[in-house]
Protein backbone atom coordinates (compact mmCIF):
# COMPACT_ATOMS: atom_id res chain seq x y z
CA MET A 1 -14.10 30.30 -13.56
CA PRO A 2 -11.29 27.75 -14.21
CA ALA A 3 -12.58 24.35 -15.24
CA ASP A 4 -11.24 22.53 -12.16
CA LEU A 5 -12.90 25.04 -9.82
CA SER A 6 -16.15 24.81 -11.79
CA ARG A 7 -16.17 21.04 -11.39
CA LYS A 8 -15.55 21.40 -7.65
CA ALA A 9 -18.47 23.83 -7.35
CA THR A 10 -20.92 21.34 -8.84
CA GLY A 11 -19.35 18.19 -7.48
CA GLU A 12 -18.42 16.90 -10.95
CA SER A 13 -15.38 14.68 -11.38
CA PRO A 14 -12.48 15.46 -13.72
CA ASP A 15 -11.97 12.79 -16.37
CA SER A 16 -10.82 12.17 -19.89
CA GLU A 17 -14.01 13.68 -21.28
CA HIS A 18 -12.38 17.11 -20.92
CA GLY A 19 -10.32 18.41 -23.80
CA VAL A 20 -6.96 20.10 -23.56
CA SER A 21 -8.62 23.51 -23.19
CA GLY A 22 -10.48 22.37 -20.07
CA GLY A 23 -13.89 22.32 -21.76
CA LEU A 24 -16.02 19.26 -22.37
CA ARG A 25 -15.62 17.43 -25.67
CA SER A 26 -18.74 17.67 -27.82
CA ASP A 27 -19.82 14.07 -27.16
CA ALA A 28 -19.22 14.48 -23.43
CA GLN A 29 -21.24 17.71 -23.46
CA ARG A 30 -24.11 15.93 -25.22
CA ASN A 31 -24.03 13.19 -22.59
CA ARG A 32 -24.09 15.76 -19.81
CA ASP A 33 -26.99 17.60 -21.41
CA ARG A 34 -28.94 14.35 -21.78
CA ILE A 35 -28.29 13.43 -18.16
CA ILE A 36 -29.39 16.86 -16.90
CA ARG A 37 -32.55 16.79 -19.02
CA ALA A 38 -33.43 13.23 -17.98
CA ALA A 39 -32.75 13.97 -14.31
CA HIS A 40 -34.90 17.10 -14.37
CA GLU A 41 -37.82 15.22 -15.94
CA THR A 42 -37.46 12.29 -13.55
CA PHE A 43 -37.06 14.40 -10.42
CA THR A 44 -40.10 16.43 -11.41
CA GLU A 45 -42.20 13.32 -11.93
CA ARG A 46 -40.95 11.12 -9.10
CA GLY A 47 -38.94 13.21 -6.64
CA THR A 48 -35.22 13.28 -5.99
CA ALA A 49 -35.10 9.85 -4.30
CA VAL A 50 -35.57 8.07 -7.65
CA PRO A 51 -32.88 5.44 -8.42
CA ILE A 52 -29.93 6.87 -10.31
CA SER A 53 -30.11 3.90 -12.68
CA ALA A 54 -33.53 5.11 -13.84
CA ILE A 55 -32.05 8.46 -14.80
CA ALA A 56 -29.20 6.81 -16.69
CA ARG A 57 -31.65 4.66 -18.65
CA ARG A 58 -33.79 7.66 -19.51
CA ALA A 59 -30.73 9.59 -20.65
CA GLY A 60 -29.53 6.68 -22.77
CA VAL A 61 -26.15 6.49 -21.04
CA GLY A 62 -24.48 3.93 -18.83
CA ALA A 63 -24.45 4.31 -15.07
CA ALA A 64 -20.66 4.63 -15.17
CA THR A 65 -20.94 7.63 -17.50
CA LEU A 66 -23.45 9.28 -15.19
CA TYR A 67 -21.28 8.70 -12.11
CA ARG A 68 -18.20 10.08 -13.86
CA ARG A 69 -20.05 13.31 -14.43
CA PHE A 70 -21.92 13.35 -11.10
CA PRO A 71 -20.36 11.16 -8.40
CA THR A 72 -23.14 11.79 -5.85
CA ARG A 73 -26.89 12.27 -6.03
CA ALA A 74 -26.49 15.66 -4.38
CA SER A 75 -24.12 16.88 -7.10
CA LEU A 76 -26.64 15.85 -9.76
CA VAL A 77 -29.53 17.53 -7.93
CA ALA A 78 -27.45 20.69 -7.53
CA ALA A 79 -26.64 20.78 -11.25
CA VAL A 80 -30.23 20.12 -12.31
CA PHE A 81 -31.75 22.81 -10.11
CA ASP A 82 -28.91 25.34 -10.11
CA ASP A 83 -31.01 28.05 -11.79
CA GLN A 84 -33.94 27.60 -9.41
CA LEU A 85 -31.71 27.65 -6.34
CA THR A 86 -30.04 30.80 -7.61
CA GLU A 87 -33.48 32.35 -8.06
CA CYS A 88 -34.41 31.40 -4.50
CA ALA A 89 -31.27 33.06 -3.14
CA ALA A 90 -32.01 36.12 -5.26
CA ALA A 91 -35.56 36.23 -3.88
CA PHE A 92 -34.15 36.46 -0.36
CA ASP A 93 -31.69 39.17 -1.39
CA GLU A 94 -34.31 41.26 -3.18
CA ALA A 95 -36.83 40.92 -0.36
CA LEU A 96 -34.33 41.93 2.31
CA ALA A 97 -33.14 44.87 0.19
CA ASP A 98 -36.66 46.21 -0.39
CA PRO A 99 -37.11 49.47 1.55
CA ASP A 100 -40.71 48.42 2.22
CA PRO A 101 -40.41 45.40 4.58
CA TRP A 102 -44.00 44.26 4.04
CA ARG A 103 -43.69 44.41 0.27
CA GLY A 104 -40.41 42.49 0.51
CA PHE A 105 -41.99 39.81 2.67
CA CYS A 106 -44.99 39.42 0.34
CA SER A 107 -42.78 39.34 -2.74
CA PHE A 108 -40.64 36.56 -1.28
CA VAL A 109 -43.63 34.40 -0.36
CA GLU A 110 -45.21 34.91 -3.79
CA THR A 111 -41.96 34.15 -5.65
CA VAL A 112 -41.15 30.93 -3.79
CA CYS A 113 -44.71 29.60 -3.98
CA ALA A 114 -44.83 30.33 -7.72
CA ALA A 115 -41.55 28.42 -8.15
CA GLN A 116 -43.03 25.44 -6.32
CA VAL A 117 -45.95 25.01 -8.68
CA ALA A 118 -43.94 25.89 -11.79
CA ASP A 119 -41.46 23.07 -11.15
CA ARG A 120 -42.53 20.13 -9.01
CA GLY A 121 -38.94 19.14 -8.31
CA PHE A 122 -37.89 22.54 -6.96
CA THR A 123 -38.88 22.03 -3.32
CA ASN A 124 -37.40 18.57 -3.11
CA ALA A 125 -34.20 19.86 -4.68
CA PHE A 126 -33.83 22.67 -2.16
CA LEU A 127 -34.50 20.34 0.76
CA ALA A 128 -32.54 17.31 -0.43
CA GLN A 129 -29.28 18.71 -1.73
CA HIS A 130 -27.88 20.56 1.24
CA GLU A 131 -26.03 17.71 2.92
CA GLU A 132 -23.38 16.90 0.34
CA THR A 133 -22.44 20.05 -1.58
CA ASP A 134 -20.89 23.33 -0.52
CA ASP A 135 -23.55 25.30 -2.40
CA GLY A 136 -26.29 23.25 -0.77
CA ARG A 137 -24.92 23.83 2.72
CA ARG A 138 -24.64 27.55 2.05
CA GLN A 139 -28.24 27.68 0.84
CA TRP A 140 -29.38 25.78 3.92
CA ASP A 141 -27.33 27.83 6.37
CA ARG A 142 -28.71 31.13 5.10
CA ALA A 143 -32.37 30.15 4.62
CA GLU A 144 -33.50 30.08 8.23
CA PRO A 145 -31.86 33.33 9.41
CA ASP A 146 -32.90 35.15 6.23
CA LEU A 147 -36.50 34.06 6.71
CA ALA A 148 -36.38 35.19 10.35
CA ARG A 149 -35.04 38.59 9.22
CA LEU A 150 -37.84 38.98 6.66
CA VAL A 151 -40.42 38.26 9.34
CA GLN A 152 -38.82 40.57 11.92
CA ARG A 153 -38.54 43.47 9.46
CA ALA A 154 -42.23 43.20 8.55
CA LYS A 155 -43.19 43.08 12.23
CA GLU A 156 -41.06 46.10 13.09
CA ALA A 157 -42.73 48.00 10.25
CA GLY A 158 -46.08 47.30 11.91
CA ARG A 159 -47.41 45.37 8.92
CA LEU A 160 -47.11 41.74 10.06
CA ARG A 161 -49.09 40.50 13.04
CA GLY A 162 -47.03 40.13 16.20
CA ASP A 163 -47.76 36.46 16.81
CA PHE A 164 -46.61 35.41 13.33
CA ASP A 165 -43.82 32.83 13.40
CA PRO A 166 -41.37 32.03 10.57
CA SER A 167 -42.57 28.43 10.71
CA ASP A 168 -45.93 29.69 9.41
CA VAL A 169 -44.23 30.24 6.04
CA LEU A 170 -43.07 26.61 6.10
CA VAL A 171 -46.64 25.47 6.76
CA LEU A 172 -47.70 27.44 3.68
CA LEU A 173 -44.98 25.73 1.63
CA LEU A 174 -46.24 22.33 2.77
CA ALA A 175 -49.78 23.23 1.71
CA ASN A 176 -48.68 24.81 -1.56
CA ASN A 177 -46.55 21.80 -2.45
CA GLY A 178 -49.71 19.70 -2.62
CA LEU A 179 -51.03 21.93 -5.39
CA ALA A 180 -47.92 21.27 -7.49
CA ALA A 181 -49.19 17.77 -8.26
CA GLN A 182 -52.14 19.25 -10.15
CA PRO A 183 -52.07 20.27 -13.83
CA PRO A 184 -50.67 23.79 -14.34
CA HIS A 185 -54.04 25.29 -15.33
CA ILE A 186 -55.31 24.27 -11.88
CA ALA A 187 -52.15 24.55 -9.78
CA GLU A 188 -51.12 28.07 -10.76
CA PRO A 189 -54.37 29.97 -10.07
CA ALA A 190 -55.08 27.85 -6.98
CA SER A 191 -51.63 28.64 -5.60
CA ARG A 192 -52.03 32.37 -6.24
CA ARG A 193 -55.35 32.31 -4.40
CA LEU A 194 -53.90 30.33 -1.48
CA VAL A 195 -51.01 32.78 -1.17
CA ALA A 196 -53.37 35.77 -1.30
CA TYR A 197 -55.50 34.27 1.48
CA PHE A 198 -52.37 33.66 3.52
CA LEU A 199 -50.93 37.15 3.13
CA GLN A 200 -54.22 38.89 3.83
CA SER A 201 -54.72 36.80 6.97
CA VAL A 202 -51.34 37.63 8.52
CA GLU A 203 -51.45 41.41 8.22
CA ALA A 204 -51.09 43.24 11.52
CA ASP A 205 -54.73 44.34 11.70
CA ARG A 206 -55.87 40.70 11.98
CA THR A 207 -55.91 40.55 15.77
CA ALA A 208 -57.89 37.43 16.71
CA PRO A 209 -55.45 35.18 18.61
CA LEU A 210 -54.00 32.18 16.80
CA PRO A 211 -53.56 28.61 18.06
CA PRO A 212 -49.99 27.61 19.04
CA THR A 213 -47.47 27.16 16.24
CA ALA A 214 -46.58 23.73 14.91
CA PRO A 215 -43.14 22.41 15.99
CA LEU A 216 -41.77 22.93 12.50
CA ASP A 217 -38.33 24.06 11.34
CA LEU A 218 -36.42 23.50 8.11
CA ASP A 219 -35.15 20.09 9.20
CA GLU A 220 -38.66 19.01 10.14
CA ILE A 221 -40.16 20.21 6.88
CA ARG A 222 -37.43 18.34 5.00
CA ARG A 223 -38.45 15.13 6.76
CA SER A 224 -42.12 15.89 6.05
CA PHE A 225 -41.51 16.30 2.33
CA ALA A 226 -39.43 13.12 2.25
CA GLY A 227 -42.37 11.22 3.71
CA LEU A 228 -44.66 12.46 0.92
CA GLN A 229 -42.54 10.99 -1.87
């Protein structure tokens, strides 16, 4: 990808830190790497609402340097969590492509919940970055319909109970996010057990009626997570 298009994709600004070939100079690349590393550590510890100045201090660079590289918080979040967001999109694609709809649904739930506890900043990144970047908006626009398709496929296959609602997955993500604050040796097995309970309880042969669903969609869960920070 040409350098100017790459910068547009991540929201980075062109500046004199780029050499004549379009690549970053070595000192500029080191600064960028330090910023990304510091931002990842800080977002993981404190959430994505942390002051940008705190990230600059941790990276050992000036705020002006950080803003030259990442002019908005959303562009920094997108760069920090690019790999995780790509994995999330791939999880949707793989689940929807699975010829076994129930297996695809289960695989998606397991993959996303594992990502939550493996990286505490992942959920906040997915929910916080969509407003200001093209990639974020695309992720957001596809998430709800893709989740609805996963649910509908599993229902049509006769494997997912008929009264299951896509918002039930969001409730699971809220619950699972609480485990991410625990040390990994606790969070990871506890999350796997929670997910197993969830998946076993929503199979089609579980016929006892459920209470009404919570009024929860992706915008609501975003606000809920923001209130937990």
